[in-house]
């Protein structure tokens, strides 16, 4: 069974990223490097994480 929440942390800067990648990071609710957000485990959130996985650190809860 899938978990209900995912915690994501922005570990790299979005400087030099494409506009779409910046929009995904903003959509996840992350602003500065090191910011952490707990989100619902939905297909939309998983898709945004997949697009910028190289910038994030995440764990399922």
C-alpha atoms as a PDB file:
ATOM      1  CA  UNK A   1       0.000   0.000   0.000  1.00  0.00           C
ATOM      2  CA  UNK A   2       1.309   3.449  -0.879  1.00  0.00           C
ATOM      3  CA  UNK A   3       2.080   5.914   1.883  1.00  0.00           C
ATOM      4  CA  UNK A   4      -0.058   9.022   2.381  1.00  0.00           C
ATOM      5  CA  UNK A   5       2.613  11.727   2.459  1.00  0.00           C
ATOM      6  CA  UNK A   6       5.951  12.553   0.866  1.00  0.00           C
ATOM      7  CA  UNK A   7       8.512  14.898   2.405  1.00  0.00           C
ATOM      8  CA  UNK A   8      10.649  16.762  -0.138  1.00  0.00           C
ATOM      9  CA  UNK A   9      13.719  18.920   0.457  1.00  0.00           C
ATOM     10  CA  UNK A  10      15.322  21.211  -2.115  1.00  0.00           C
ATOM     11  CA  UNK A  11      19.014  20.318  -1.969  1.00  0.00           C
ATOM     12  CA  UNK A  12      20.262  22.178  -5.072  1.00  0.00           C
ATOM     13  CA  UNK A  13      19.585  25.637  -6.460  1.00  0.00           C
ATOM     14  CA  UNK A  14      17.243  26.236  -9.394  1.00  0.00           C
ATOM     15  CA  UNK A  15      19.696  28.721 -10.942  1.00  0.00           C
ATOM     16  CA  UNK A  16      20.428  27.472 -14.436  1.00  0.00           C
ATOM     17  CA  UNK A  17      17.310  25.280 -14.614  1.00  0.00           C
ATOM     18  CA  UNK A  18      14.674  25.599 -17.290  1.00  0.00           C
ATOM     19  CA  UNK A  19      11.476  27.559 -16.651  1.00  0.00           C
ATOM     20  CA  UNK A  20       9.476  24.313 -16.514  1.00  0.00           C
ATOM     21  CA  UNK A  21      11.752  22.914 -13.811  1.00  0.00           C
ATOM     22  CA  UNK A  22      11.506  26.145 -11.804  1.00  0.00           C
ATOM     23  CA  UNK A  23       7.705  25.959 -12.093  1.00  0.00           C
ATOM     24  CA  UNK A  24       7.723  22.363 -10.778  1.00  0.00           C
ATOM     25  CA  UNK A  25       9.829  23.357  -7.767  1.00  0.00           C
ATOM     26  CA  UNK A  26       7.502  26.293  -7.072  1.00  0.00           C
ATOM     27  CA  UNK A  27       4.477  24.012  -7.509  1.00  0.00           C
ATOM     28  CA  UNK A  28       5.881  21.693  -4.854  1.00  0.00           C
ATOM     29  CA  UNK A  29       5.947  24.669  -2.490  1.00  0.00           C
ATOM     30  CA  UNK A  30       9.735  24.923  -2.267  1.00  0.00           C
ATOM     31  CA  UNK A  31      11.474  28.296  -2.377  1.00  0.00           C
ATOM     32  CA  UNK A  32      15.039  28.343  -1.085  1.00  0.00           C
ATOM     33  CA  UNK A  33      17.720  25.687  -1.036  1.00  0.00           C
ATOM     34  CA  UNK A  34      17.179  23.593   2.078  1.00  0.00           C
ATOM     35  CA  UNK A  35      13.440  24.237   2.313  1.00  0.00           C
ATOM     36  CA  UNK A  36      11.299  21.240   3.289  1.00  0.00           C
ATOM     37  CA  UNK A  37       7.650  20.518   2.508  1.00  0.00           C
ATOM     38  CA  UNK A  38       5.344  17.595   3.349  1.00  0.00           C
ATOM     39  CA  UNK A  39       2.881  16.838   0.548  1.00  0.00           C
ATOM     40  CA  UNK A  40       0.140  14.340  -0.233  1.00  0.00           C
ATOM     41  CA  UNK A  41       1.189  11.308  -2.241  1.00  0.00           C
ATOM     42  CA  UNK A  42      -0.715  11.899  -5.490  1.00  0.00           C
ATOM     43  CA  UNK A  43       0.168  11.211  -9.131  1.00  0.00           C
ATOM     44  CA  UNK A  44       0.480  14.963  -9.793  1.00  0.00           C
ATOM     45  CA  UNK A  45       3.002  15.441  -6.983  1.00  0.00           C
ATOM     46  CA  UNK A  46       4.936  12.336  -8.039  1.00  0.00           C
ATOM     47  CA  UNK A  47       5.124  13.680 -11.612  1.00  0.00           C
ATOM     48  CA  UNK A  48       6.531  17.020 -10.442  1.00  0.00           C
ATOM     49  CA  UNK A  49       9.097  15.226  -8.283  1.00  0.00           C
ATOM     50  CA  UNK A  50      10.133  13.073 -11.232  1.00  0.00           C
ATOM     51  CA  UNK A  51      10.814  16.165 -13.378  1.00  0.00           C
ATOM     52  CA  UNK A  52      13.217  17.694 -10.837  1.00  0.00           C
ATOM     53  CA  UNK A  53      14.454  14.628  -8.951  1.00  0.00           C
ATOM     54  CA  UNK A  54      18.071  15.705  -9.496  1.00  0.00           C
ATOM     55  CA  UNK A  55      17.396  18.797  -7.338  1.00  0.00           C
ATOM     56  CA  UNK A  56      15.472  17.063  -4.548  1.00  0.00           C
ATOM     57  CA  UNK A  57      15.867  14.722  -1.638  1.00  0.00           C
ATOM     58  CA  UNK A  58      12.646  12.962  -0.614  1.00  0.00           C
ATOM     59  CA  UNK A  59      11.243  10.233   1.584  1.00  0.00           C
ATOM     60  CA  UNK A  60       7.843   8.584   1.850  1.00  0.00           C
ATOM     61  CA  UNK A  61       6.077   8.504   5.195  1.00  0.00           C
END
